[in-house]
């Protein structure tokens, strides 16, 4: 699934670059990525990101906000360990 989120985020970046939208402050890339998948909105920003739920019924205000860039904690390392392949 992680690959799907990353691909969705990458596609949003590529399309926005193609149409010169990424420099436009009115375009929220995380909102566009959110249309593909919820987790994709977090992949748009680097570093530590908060996924904000929003209040609208249609979910269009559910976006991601960068809290800290990836240089904020240069010594931090993250290890992800999968202990089961059972999905809930």
C-alpha atoms as a PDB file:
ATOM      1  CA  UNK A   1       0.000   0.000   0.000  1.00  0.00           C
ATOM      2  CA  UNK A   2       2.866   2.376   0.714  1.00  0.00           C
ATOM      3  CA  UNK A   3       3.833   2.234  -2.958  1.00  0.00           C
ATOM      4  CA  UNK A   4       0.293   3.262  -3.945  1.00  0.00           C
ATOM      5  CA  UNK A   5       0.375   6.305  -1.623  1.00  0.00           C
ATOM      6  CA  UNK A   6       3.775   7.337  -2.901  1.00  0.00           C
ATOM      7  CA  UNK A   7       2.715   6.910  -6.538  1.00  0.00           C
ATOM      8  CA  UNK A   8      -0.403   9.002  -5.959  1.00  0.00           C
ATOM      9  CA  UNK A   9       1.647  11.753  -4.367  1.00  0.00           C
ATOM     10  CA  UNK A  10       4.219  11.575  -7.171  1.00  0.00           C
ATOM     11  CA  UNK A  11       1.483  11.790  -9.820  1.00  0.00           C
ATOM     12  CA  UNK A  12       0.082  14.926  -8.167  1.00  0.00           C
ATOM     13  CA  UNK A  13       3.541  16.537  -8.132  1.00  0.00           C
ATOM     14  CA  UNK A  14       4.138  15.624 -11.780  1.00  0.00           C
ATOM     15  CA  UNK A  15       0.767  16.941 -12.985  1.00  0.00           C
ATOM     16  CA  UNK A  16       1.101  20.162 -11.013  1.00  0.00           C
ATOM     17  CA  UNK A  17       4.592  20.706 -12.412  1.00  0.00           C
ATOM     18  CA  UNK A  18       3.333  20.016 -15.922  1.00  0.00           C
ATOM     19  CA  UNK A  19       0.621  22.656 -15.574  1.00  0.00           C
ATOM     20  CA  UNK A  20       2.804  25.047 -13.513  1.00  0.00           C
ATOM     21  CA  UNK A  21       0.483  24.794 -10.508  1.00  0.00           C
ATOM     22  CA  UNK A  22       3.001  23.976  -7.782  1.00  0.00           C
ATOM     23  CA  UNK A  23       4.073  27.620  -7.438  1.00  0.00           C
ATOM     24  CA  UNK A  24       0.470  28.780  -7.109  1.00  0.00           C
ATOM     25  CA  UNK A  25      -0.403  29.342  -3.449  1.00  0.00           C
ATOM     26  CA  UNK A  26      -4.093  28.637  -4.122  1.00  0.00           C
ATOM     27  CA  UNK A  27      -3.350  25.017  -5.050  1.00  0.00           C
ATOM     28  CA  UNK A  28      -3.074  22.699  -2.053  1.00  0.00           C
ATOM     29  CA  UNK A  29      -1.145  19.692  -3.310  1.00  0.00           C
ATOM     30  CA  UNK A  30      -2.104  17.611  -0.288  1.00  0.00           C
ATOM     31  CA  UNK A  31      -5.809  18.169  -1.051  1.00  0.00           C
ATOM     32  CA  UNK A  32      -5.258  16.960  -4.614  1.00  0.00           C
ATOM     33  CA  UNK A  33      -3.320  13.902  -3.427  1.00  0.00           C
ATOM     34  CA  UNK A  34      -6.080  13.225  -0.881  1.00  0.00           C
ATOM     35  CA  UNK A  35      -8.441  12.578  -3.789  1.00  0.00           C
ATOM     36  CA  UNK A  36      -6.315   9.551  -4.680  1.00  0.00           C
ATOM     37  CA  UNK A  37      -5.939   8.232  -1.129  1.00  0.00           C
ATOM     38  CA  UNK A  38      -5.984   9.630   2.353  1.00  0.00           C
ATOM     39  CA  UNK A  39      -2.434   8.651   3.169  1.00  0.00           C
ATOM     40  CA  UNK A  40      -1.126  10.170  -0.067  1.00  0.00           C
ATOM     41  CA  UNK A  41      -1.757  13.653   1.312  1.00  0.00           C
ATOM     42  CA  UNK A  42       0.947  13.013   3.932  1.00  0.00           C
ATOM     43  CA  UNK A  43       3.451  12.000   1.269  1.00  0.00           C
ATOM     44  CA  UNK A  44       3.306  15.381  -0.477  1.00  0.00           C
ATOM     45  CA  UNK A  45       5.292  17.090   2.265  1.00  0.00           C
ATOM     46  CA  UNK A  46       8.627  15.934   3.586  1.00  0.00           C
ATOM     47  CA  UNK A  47       9.548  15.564   7.233  1.00  0.00           C
ATOM     48  CA  UNK A  48       6.910  15.294   9.949  1.00  0.00           C
ATOM     49  CA  UNK A  49       3.380  15.804   8.698  1.00  0.00           C
ATOM     50  CA  UNK A  50       0.001  15.959  10.404  1.00  0.00           C
ATOM     51  CA  UNK A  51      -3.063  14.719   8.553  1.00  0.00           C
ATOM     52  CA  UNK A  52      -5.864  17.108   9.500  1.00  0.00           C
ATOM     53  CA  UNK A  53      -9.309  15.530   9.500  1.00  0.00           C
ATOM     54  CA  UNK A  54     -11.316  18.561   8.436  1.00  0.00           C
ATOM     55  CA  UNK A  55     -15.030  19.084   9.027  1.00  0.00           C
ATOM     56  CA  UNK A  56     -16.660  18.956   5.617  1.00  0.00           C
ATOM     57  CA  UNK A  57     -18.873  16.009   4.753  1.00  0.00           C
ATOM     58  CA  UNK A  58     -17.161  15.567   1.364  1.00  0.00           C
ATOM     59  CA  UNK A  59     -13.670  15.461   2.946  1.00  0.00           C
ATOM     60  CA  UNK A  60     -12.225  18.203   0.735  1.00  0.00           C
ATOM     61  CA  UNK A  61     -10.823  20.029   3.743  1.00  0.00           C
ATOM     62  CA  UNK A  62      -8.997  16.912   4.960  1.00  0.00           C
ATOM     63  CA  UNK A  63      -5.420  17.863   4.129  1.00  0.00           C
ATOM     64  CA  UNK A  64      -1.906  17.482   5.451  1.00  0.00           C
ATOM     65  CA  UNK A  65       0.197  20.149   7.126  1.00  0.00           C
ATOM     66  CA  UNK A  66       3.963  19.953   7.496  1.00  0.00           C
ATOM     67  CA  UNK A  67       4.982  20.330  11.134  1.00  0.00           C
ATOM     68  CA  UNK A  68       8.768  20.089  10.686  1.00  0.00           C
ATOM     69  CA  UNK A  69      10.969  19.615   7.634  1.00  0.00           C
ATOM     70  CA  UNK A  70      13.218  16.589   7.331  1.00  0.00           C
ATOM     71  CA  UNK A  71      16.254  18.528   8.614  1.00  0.00           C
ATOM     72  CA  UNK A  72      14.536  19.289  11.947  1.00  0.00           C
ATOM     73  CA  UNK A  73      15.868  16.141  13.675  1.00  0.00           C
ATOM     74  CA  UNK A  74      18.858  14.989  11.602  1.00  0.00           C
ATOM     75  CA  UNK A  75      19.844  12.286  14.123  1.00  0.00           C
ATOM     76  CA  UNK A  76      16.371  10.694  14.211  1.00  0.00           C
ATOM     77  CA  UNK A  77      16.051   7.282  12.574  1.00  0.00           C
ATOM     78  CA  UNK A  78      12.808   5.354  12.129  1.00  0.00           C
ATOM     79  CA  UNK A  79      12.583   1.581  12.052  1.00  0.00           C
ATOM     80  CA  UNK A  80       9.396  -0.108  10.870  1.00  0.00           C
ATOM     81  CA  UNK A  81       9.046  -3.720  11.862  1.00  0.00           C
ATOM     82  CA  UNK A  82       6.200  -5.851  10.516  1.00  0.00           C
ATOM     83  CA  UNK A  83       5.455  -8.620  12.980  1.00  0.00           C
ATOM     84  CA  UNK A  84       2.406 -10.050  11.253  1.00  0.00           C
ATOM     85  CA  UNK A  85       0.944 -10.118   7.777  1.00  0.00           C
ATOM     86  CA  UNK A  86      -2.610 -10.233   9.200  1.00  0.00           C
ATOM     87  CA  UNK A  87      -4.661  -7.192   8.157  1.00  0.00           C
ATOM     88  CA  UNK A  88      -7.491  -5.949  10.337  1.00  0.00           C
END
